[in-house]
Amino acid sequence: MHVGAERVTQADRRARTRGALLESAARGLSRYGYGNLVLEQVAREAGYTRGALYHQFKDKQDLTLAVIRWIGETWLEAVEPLIEREQEPVAALLTLARGHAVYCRRSGARVATALRLEFSGQDHPVGHEIEQTYESLVVRCEGLIAAARKAGTLPPGPPVRTLALAFVGALDGTVIALAGQEPHDELLTVRAVAGVLGVDPSMHSPTERTTDKTEAPS
């Protein structure tokens, strides 16, 4: 019994170490980019030694790939349930925008956008991982846009793929421009994507606000 308890404790300790290192690396990638990321600094700011970092990740590329996947997982945990609660697809799109804006208040949450710019046009594993993450979001929006068009709640216009790309561009661009501008970031992000969609956001009210549900721990 004592051995089992010790194993759980070790697993928890390892998970806490990994989480702290991922958060620190996300902050570093947001501030300095991949090329200027210093692993020793990542470890120090997380409260660990460089050896502890290398015990979890083999190199900078491995750490960065883990950060991208971690951000994708935490985004889904925070935002996807909010989207799923919406019965109407335009409301779901606006809720996605709200949830994304609030999620991006987290330190390091803008890593994907920063790395996508840094690795644009490069044949690199980090660039490929970022593009896959970006494509997943675009495809999610495509599905909602197509459903809204079918339901007649979204006016006709550009092809679904084109509109989804514009939606994600407006989403990311507004969130980045309004970093630290709470609560205006949430409100204006919704207005920005509503403009892309060609809808009045007041006519597609989400079932509930997202602010209290996706706030990051301090």
C-alpha atoms as a PDB file:
ATOM      1  CA  MET A   1       0.000   0.000   0.000  1.00  0.00           C
ATOM      2  CA  HIS A   2       2.820   2.333   0.835  1.00  0.00           C
ATOM      3  CA  VAL A   3       4.545   1.513  -2.475  1.00  0.00           C
ATOM      4  CA  GLY A   4       1.365   2.241  -4.437  1.00  0.00           C
ATOM      5  CA  ALA A   5       0.899   5.556  -2.684  1.00  0.00           C
ATOM      6  CA  GLU A   6       4.513   6.456  -3.417  1.00  0.00           C
ATOM      7  CA  ARG A   7       4.033   5.655  -7.105  1.00  0.00           C
ATOM      8  CA  VAL A   8       1.007   7.956  -7.274  1.00  0.00           C
ATOM      9  CA  THR A   9       2.978  10.675  -5.542  1.00  0.00           C
ATOM     10  CA  GLN A  10       5.846  10.340  -8.008  1.00  0.00           C
ATOM     11  CA  ALA A  11       3.448  10.440 -10.955  1.00  0.00           C
ATOM     12  CA  ASP A  12       1.780  13.549  -9.573  1.00  0.00           C
ATOM     13  CA  ARG A  13       5.128  15.194  -8.979  1.00  0.00           C
ATOM     14  CA  ARG A  14       6.223  14.418 -12.520  1.00  0.00           C
ATOM     15  CA  ALA A  15       2.960  15.815 -13.912  1.00  0.00           C
ATOM     16  CA  ARG A  16       3.352  19.024 -11.890  1.00  0.00           C
ATOM     17  CA  THR A  17       6.922  19.423 -13.108  1.00  0.00           C
ATOM     18  CA  ARG A  18       5.882  18.859 -16.700  1.00  0.00           C
ATOM     19  CA  GLY A  19       3.000  21.328 -16.410  1.00  0.00           C
ATOM     20  CA  ALA A  20       5.211  24.039 -14.910  1.00  0.00           C
ATOM     21  CA  LEU A  21       7.822  23.570 -17.624  1.00  0.00           C
ATOM     22  CA  LEU A  22       5.200  23.703 -20.383  1.00  0.00           C
ATOM     23  CA  GLU A  23       3.740  26.924 -18.976  1.00  0.00           C
ATOM     24  CA  SER A  24       7.174  28.496 -18.684  1.00  0.00           C
ATOM     25  CA  ALA A  25       8.101  27.420 -22.208  1.00  0.00           C
ATOM     26  CA  ALA A  26       4.825  28.823 -23.560  1.00  0.00           C
ATOM     27  CA  ARG A  27       5.591  32.181 -21.988  1.00  0.00           C
ATOM     28  CA  GLY A  28       9.101  32.097 -23.404  1.00  0.00           C
ATOM     29  CA  LEU A  29       7.929  31.179 -26.895  1.00  0.00           C
ATOM     30  CA  SER A  30       5.384  34.013 -26.820  1.00  0.00           C
ATOM     31  CA  ARG A  31       8.021  36.544 -25.783  1.00  0.00           C
ATOM     32  CA  TYR A  32      11.118  35.413 -27.666  1.00  0.00           C
ATOM     33  CA  GLY A  33      10.059  32.917 -30.322  1.00  0.00           C
ATOM     34  CA  TYR A  34      11.568  29.514 -30.971  1.00  0.00           C
ATOM     35  CA  GLY A  35      14.932  30.724 -32.230  1.00  0.00           C
ATOM     36  CA  ASN A  36      15.667  32.763 -29.103  1.00  0.00           C
ATOM     37  CA  LEU A  37      14.220  30.357 -26.550  1.00  0.00           C
ATOM     38  CA  VAL A  38      16.826  29.402 -23.911  1.00  0.00           C
ATOM     39  CA  LEU A  39      16.046  26.128 -22.147  1.00  0.00           C
ATOM     40  CA  GLU A  40      18.008  27.010 -19.032  1.00  0.00           C
ATOM     41  CA  GLN A  41      15.867  30.122 -18.641  1.00  0.00           C
ATOM     42  CA  VAL A  42      12.687  28.110 -19.191  1.00  0.00           C
ATOM     43  CA  ALA A  43      13.697  25.729 -16.417  1.00  0.00           C
ATOM     44  CA  ARG A  44      14.755  28.510 -14.053  1.00  0.00           C
ATOM     45  CA  GLU A  45      11.508  30.463 -14.482  1.00  0.00           C
ATOM     46  CA  ALA A  46       9.536  27.270 -13.829  1.00  0.00           C
ATOM     47  CA  GLY A  47      11.506  26.746 -10.622  1.00  0.00           C
ATOM     48  CA  TYR A  48      13.491  23.717 -11.815  1.00  0.00           C
ATOM     49  CA  THR A  49      16.983  22.874 -13.009  1.00  0.00           C
ATOM     50  CA  ARG A  50      17.946  22.320 -16.631  1.00  0.00           C
ATOM     51  CA  GLY A  51      18.462  18.676 -15.730  1.00  0.00           C
ATOM     52  CA  ALA A  52      14.830  18.399 -14.662  1.00  0.00           C
ATOM     53  CA  LEU A  53      13.795  19.817 -18.028  1.00  0.00           C
ATOM     54  CA  TYR A  54      15.941  17.355 -19.952  1.00  0.00           C
ATOM     55  CA  HIS A  55      14.471  14.554 -17.877  1.00  0.00           C
ATOM     56  CA  GLN A  56      11.083  15.452 -19.388  1.00  0.00           C
ATOM     57  CA  PHE A  57      12.037  16.683 -22.875  1.00  0.00           C
ATOM     58  CA  LYS A  58      14.983  15.649 -25.014  1.00  0.00           C
ATOM     59  CA  ASP A  59      15.581  19.028 -26.663  1.00  0.00           C
ATOM     60  CA  LYS A  60      14.028  22.389 -27.602  1.00  0.00           C
ATOM     61  CA  GLN A  61      12.106  20.928 -30.514  1.00  0.00           C
ATOM     62  CA  ASP A  62      10.593  18.201 -28.337  1.00  0.00           C
ATOM     63  CA  LEU A  63       9.608  20.778 -25.713  1.00  0.00           C
ATOM     64  CA  THR A  64       8.055  23.110 -28.294  1.00  0.00           C
ATOM     65  CA  LEU A  65       6.045  20.327 -29.911  1.00  0.00           C
ATOM     66  CA  ALA A  66       4.776  19.380 -26.458  1.00  0.00           C
ATOM     67  CA  VAL A  67       3.775  23.010 -25.799  1.00  0.00           C
ATOM     68  CA  ILE A  68       1.790  23.178 -29.058  1.00  0.00           C
ATOM     69  CA  ARG A  69      -0.072  19.954 -28.225  1.00  0.00           C
ATOM     70  CA  TRP A  70      -0.677  21.090 -24.652  1.00  0.00           C
ATOM     71  CA  ILE A  71      -2.175  24.378 -25.839  1.00  0.00           C
ATOM     72  CA  GLY A  72      -4.401  22.511 -28.275  1.00  0.00           C
ATOM     73  CA  GLU A  73      -5.613  20.203 -25.517  1.00  0.00           C
ATOM     74  CA  THR A  74      -6.291  22.988 -23.020  1.00  0.00           C
ATOM     75  CA  TRP A  75      -8.077  25.057 -25.687  1.00  0.00           C
ATOM     76  CA  LEU A  76     -10.392  22.147 -26.410  1.00  0.00           C
ATOM     77  CA  GLU A  77     -11.044  21.626 -22.708  1.00  0.00           C
ATOM     78  CA  ALA A  78     -11.879  25.301 -22.199  1.00  0.00           C
ATOM     79  CA  VAL A  79     -13.736  26.249 -25.385  1.00  0.00           C
ATOM     80  CA  GLU A  80     -15.212  23.169 -27.029  1.00  0.00           C
ATOM     81  CA  PRO A  81     -17.804  22.466 -24.289  1.00  0.00           C
ATOM     82  CA  LEU A  82     -19.084  26.030 -24.686  1.00  0.00           C
ATOM     83  CA  ILE A  83     -19.489  25.548 -28.429  1.00  0.00           C
ATOM     84  CA  GLU A  84     -21.255  22.219 -27.973  1.00  0.00           C
ATOM     85  CA  ARG A  85     -23.907  23.810 -25.749  1.00  0.00           C
ATOM     86  CA  GLU A  86     -25.078  26.085 -28.568  1.00  0.00           C
ATOM     87  CA  GLN A  87     -27.983  24.791 -30.621  1.00  0.00           C
ATOM     88  CA  GLU A  88     -27.586  27.306 -33.463  1.00  0.00           C
ATOM     89  CA  PRO A  89     -24.348  27.308 -35.521  1.00  0.00           C
ATOM     90  CA  VAL A  90     -23.919  31.099 -35.791  1.00  0.00           C
ATOM     91  CA  ALA A  91     -24.269  31.359 -32.008  1.00  0.00           C
ATOM     92  CA  ALA A  92     -21.688  28.566 -31.766  1.00  0.00           C
ATOM     93  CA  LEU A  93     -19.275  30.544 -33.945  1.00  0.00           C
ATOM     94  CA  LEU A  94     -19.703  33.656 -31.789  1.00  0.00           C
ATOM     95  CA  THR A  95     -19.249  31.558 -28.653  1.00  0.00           C
ATOM     96  CA  LEU A  96     -16.067  30.128 -30.157  1.00  0.00           C
ATOM     97  CA  ALA A  97     -14.817  33.682 -30.622  1.00  0.00           C
ATOM     98  CA  ARG A  98     -15.694  34.637 -27.047  1.00  0.00           C
ATOM     99  CA  GLY A  99     -14.078  31.534 -25.625  1.00  0.00           C
ATOM    100  CA  HIS A 100     -10.956  31.983 -27.710  1.00  0.00           C
ATOM    101  CA  ALA A 101     -10.570  35.604 -26.614  1.00  0.00           C
ATOM    102  CA  VAL A 102     -10.859  34.660 -22.958  1.00  0.00           C
ATOM    103  CA  TYR A 103      -8.559  31.644 -23.360  1.00  0.00           C
ATOM    104  CA  CYS A 104      -5.913  33.860 -24.940  1.00  0.00           C
ATOM    105  CA  ARG A 105      -5.720  35.918 -21.750  1.00  0.00           C
ATOM    106  CA  ARG A 106      -3.641  33.050 -20.441  1.00  0.00           C
ATOM    107  CA  SER A 107       0.071  33.667 -20.429  1.00  0.00           C
ATOM    108  CA  GLY A 108       1.546  32.050 -23.513  1.00  0.00           C
ATOM    109  CA  ALA A 109      -1.768  31.281 -25.199  1.00  0.00           C
ATOM    110  CA  ARG A 110      -0.692  33.199 -28.326  1.00  0.00           C
ATOM    111  CA  VAL A 111       2.199  30.806 -28.952  1.00  0.00           C
ATOM    112  CA  ALA A 112       0.551  29.239 -31.999  1.00  0.00           C
ATOM    113  CA  THR A 113       0.231  32.531 -33.852  1.00  0.00           C
ATOM    114  CA  ALA A 114       3.790  33.588 -33.000  1.00  0.00           C
ATOM    115  CA  LEU A 115       5.267  30.273 -34.137  1.00  0.00           C
ATOM    116  CA  ARG A 116       3.148  30.190 -37.287  1.00  0.00           C
ATOM    117  CA  LEU A 117       4.711  33.489 -38.356  1.00  0.00           C
ATOM    118  CA  GLU A 118       8.214  32.380 -37.379  1.00  0.00           C
ATOM    119  CA  PHE A 119       8.035  29.105 -39.310  1.00  0.00           C
ATOM    120  CA  SER A 120       6.038  30.333 -42.296  1.00  0.00           C
ATOM    121  CA  GLY A 121       7.260  28.588 -45.450  1.00  0.00           C
ATOM    122  CA  GLN A 122       9.779  26.418 -43.588  1.00  0.00           C
ATOM    123  CA  ASP A 123       9.979  22.634 -43.738  1.00  0.00           C
ATOM    124  CA  HIS A 124      10.290  22.061 -40.003  1.00  0.00           C
ATOM    125  CA  PRO A 125       8.492  19.736 -37.529  1.00  0.00           C
ATOM    126  CA  VAL A 126       7.397  22.697 -35.392  1.00  0.00           C
ATOM    127  CA  GLY A 127       6.005  24.482 -38.445  1.00  0.00           C
ATOM    128  CA  HIS A 128       4.141  21.350 -39.522  1.00  0.00           C
ATOM    129  CA  GLU A 129       2.645  20.885 -36.048  1.00  0.00           C
ATOM    130  CA  ILE A 130       1.499  24.499 -35.935  1.00  0.00           C
ATOM    131  CA  GLU A 131      -0.106  24.253 -39.361  1.00  0.00           C
ATOM    132  CA  GLN A 132      -1.976  21.123 -38.307  1.00  0.00           C
ATOM    133  CA  THR A 133      -3.296  22.920 -35.227  1.00  0.00           C
ATOM    134  CA  TYR A 134      -4.337  25.937 -37.305  1.00  0.00           C
ATOM    135  CA  GLU A 135      -5.999  23.707 -39.885  1.00  0.00           C
ATOM    136  CA  SER A 136      -7.995  21.944 -37.164  1.00  0.00           C
ATOM    137  CA  LEU A 137      -9.468  25.277 -36.075  1.00  0.00           C
ATOM    138  CA  VAL A 138     -10.255  26.279 -39.664  1.00  0.00           C
ATOM    139  CA  VAL A 139     -11.982  22.942 -40.303  1.00  0.00           C
ATOM    140  CA  ARG A 140     -14.012  23.317 -37.086  1.00  0.00           C
ATOM    141  CA  CYS A 141     -15.180  26.727 -38.299  1.00  0.00           C
ATOM    142  CA  GLU A 142     -15.902  25.368 -41.780  1.00  0.00           C
ATOM    143  CA  GLY A 143     -18.285  22.836 -40.268  1.00  0.00           C
ATOM    144  CA  LEU A 144     -20.170  25.466 -38.307  1.00  0.00           C
ATOM    145  CA  ILE A 145     -20.328  27.848 -41.264  1.00  0.00           C
ATOM    146  CA  ALA A 146     -21.632  25.099 -43.552  1.00  0.00           C
ATOM    147  CA  ALA A 147     -24.285  24.185 -40.956  1.00  0.00           C
ATOM    148  CA  ALA A 148     -25.328  27.832 -40.643  1.00  0.00           C
ATOM    149  CA  ARG A 149     -25.621  28.186 -44.413  1.00  0.00           C
ATOM    150  CA  LYS A 150     -27.735  25.043 -44.558  1.00  0.00           C
ATOM    151  CA  ALA A 151     -29.971  26.339 -41.754  1.00  0.00           C
ATOM    152  CA  GLY A 152     -30.353  29.682 -43.516  1.00  0.00           C
ATOM    153  CA  THR A 153     -28.980  31.668 -40.556  1.00  0.00           C
ATOM    154  CA  LEU A 154     -25.894  32.796 -42.445  1.00  0.00           C
ATOM    155  CA  PRO A 155     -26.245  34.822 -45.629  1.00  0.00           C
ATOM    156  CA  PRO A 156     -24.783  33.536 -48.901  1.00  0.00           C
ATOM    157  CA  GLY A 157     -21.352  34.807 -49.809  1.00  0.00           C
ATOM    158  CA  PRO A 158     -17.786  33.559 -50.277  1.00  0.00           C
ATOM    159  CA  PRO A 159     -17.030  29.824 -50.318  1.00  0.00           C
ATOM    160  CA  VAL A 160     -17.156  28.147 -46.911  1.00  0.00           C
ATOM    161  CA  ARG A 161     -13.397  27.552 -46.825  1.00  0.00           C
ATOM    162  CA  THR A 162     -12.659  31.176 -47.706  1.00  0.00           C
ATOM    163  CA  LEU A 163     -15.034  32.463 -45.049  1.00  0.00           C
ATOM    164  CA  ALA A 164     -13.550  30.120 -42.427  1.00  0.00           C
ATOM    165  CA  LEU A 165     -10.045  31.368 -43.184  1.00  0.00           C
ATOM    166  CA  ALA A 166     -11.223  34.979 -42.872  1.00  0.00           C
ATOM    167  CA  PHE A 167     -13.014  34.140 -39.619  1.00  0.00           C
ATOM    168  CA  VAL A 168      -9.891  32.635 -38.045  1.00  0.00           C
ATOM    169  CA  GLY A 169      -7.772  35.523 -39.331  1.00  0.00           C
ATOM    170  CA  ALA A 170     -10.102  38.083 -37.740  1.00  0.00           C
ATOM    171  CA  LEU A 171     -10.231  36.007 -34.576  1.00  0.00           C
ATOM    172  CA  ASP A 172      -6.467  35.782 -34.099  1.00  0.00           C
ATOM    173  CA  GLY A 173      -5.721  39.291 -35.310  1.00  0.00           C
ATOM    174  CA  THR A 174      -8.186  40.964 -32.957  1.00  0.00           C
ATOM    175  CA  VAL A 175      -7.128  38.913 -29.954  1.00  0.00           C
ATOM    176  CA  ILE A 176      -3.454  39.725 -30.532  1.00  0.00           C
ATOM    177  CA  ALA A 177      -4.121  43.423 -31.086  1.00  0.00           C
ATOM    178  CA  LEU A 178      -6.191  43.659 -27.902  1.00  0.00           C
ATOM    179  CA  ALA A 179      -3.933  41.672 -25.593  1.00  0.00           C
ATOM    180  CA  GLY A 180      -4.426  42.938 -22.055  1.00  0.00           C
ATOM    181  CA  GLN A 181      -7.495  44.987 -22.975  1.00  0.00           C
ATOM    182  CA  GLU A 182     -10.085  43.198 -20.855  1.00  0.00           C
ATOM    183  CA  PRO A 183     -13.085  43.060 -21.197  1.00  0.00           C
ATOM    184  CA  HIS A 184     -12.955  44.805 -24.573  1.00  0.00           C
ATOM    185  CA  ASP A 185     -10.980  41.940 -26.108  1.00  0.00           C
ATOM    186  CA  GLU A 186     -13.942  39.597 -25.763  1.00  0.00           C
ATOM    187  CA  LEU A 187     -16.578  42.064 -26.975  1.00  0.00           C
ATOM    188  CA  LEU A 188     -14.619  43.351 -29.959  1.00  0.00           C
ATOM    189  CA  THR A 189     -13.437  39.893 -31.026  1.00  0.00           C
ATOM    190  CA  VAL A 190     -17.071  38.844 -31.313  1.00  0.00           C
ATOM    191  CA  ARG A 191     -17.864  41.997 -33.301  1.00  0.00           C
ATOM    192  CA  ALA A 192     -14.908  41.371 -35.607  1.00  0.00           C
ATOM    193  CA  VAL A 193     -15.902  37.822 -36.498  1.00  0.00           C
ATOM    194  CA  ALA A 194     -19.573  38.810 -36.775  1.00  0.00           C
ATOM    195  CA  GLY A 195     -18.526  41.372 -39.372  1.00  0.00           C
ATOM    196  CA  VAL A 196     -16.683  38.701 -41.336  1.00  0.00           C
ATOM    197  CA  LEU A 197     -19.744  36.463 -41.191  1.00  0.00           C
ATOM    198  CA  GLY A 198     -22.062  39.329 -42.149  1.00  0.00           C
ATOM    199  CA  VAL A 199     -24.354  38.920 -39.146  1.00  0.00           C
ATOM    200  CA  ASP A 200     -25.610  41.072 -36.280  1.00  0.00           C
ATOM    201  CA  PRO A 201     -24.182  39.499 -33.092  1.00  0.00           C
ATOM    202  CA  SER A 202     -27.160  40.723 -31.054  1.00  0.00           C
ATOM    203  CA  MET A 203     -29.405  38.476 -33.162  1.00  0.00           C
ATOM    204  CA  HIS A 204     -27.450  35.347 -32.276  1.00  0.00           C
ATOM    205  CA  SER A 205     -27.005  35.515 -28.513  1.00  0.00           C
ATOM    206  CA  PRO A 206     -25.018  32.650 -27.002  1.00  0.00           C
ATOM    207  CA  THR A 207     -26.771  30.719 -24.258  1.00  0.00           C
ATOM    208  CA  GLU A 208     -24.379  32.117 -21.645  1.00  0.00           C
ATOM    209  CA  ARG A 209     -21.242  34.209 -21.370  1.00  0.00           C
ATOM    210  CA  THR A 210     -17.875  32.486 -21.313  1.00  0.00           C
ATOM    211  CA  THR A 211     -15.785  34.802 -19.137  1.00  0.00           C
ATOM    212  CA  ASP A 212     -16.123  32.954 -15.856  1.00  0.00           C
ATOM    213  CA  LYS A 213     -15.763  29.558 -17.493  1.00  0.00           C
ATOM    214  CA  THR A 214     -12.503  29.882 -19.398  1.00  0.00           C
ATOM    215  CA  GLU A 215     -10.451  32.170 -17.187  1.00  0.00           C
ATOM    216  CA  ALA A 216      -6.985  30.835 -16.556  1.00  0.00           C
ATOM    217  CA  PRO A 217      -5.700  30.309 -13.050  1.00  0.00           C
ATOM    218  CA  SER A 218      -3.355  33.076 -11.955  1.00  0.00           C
END
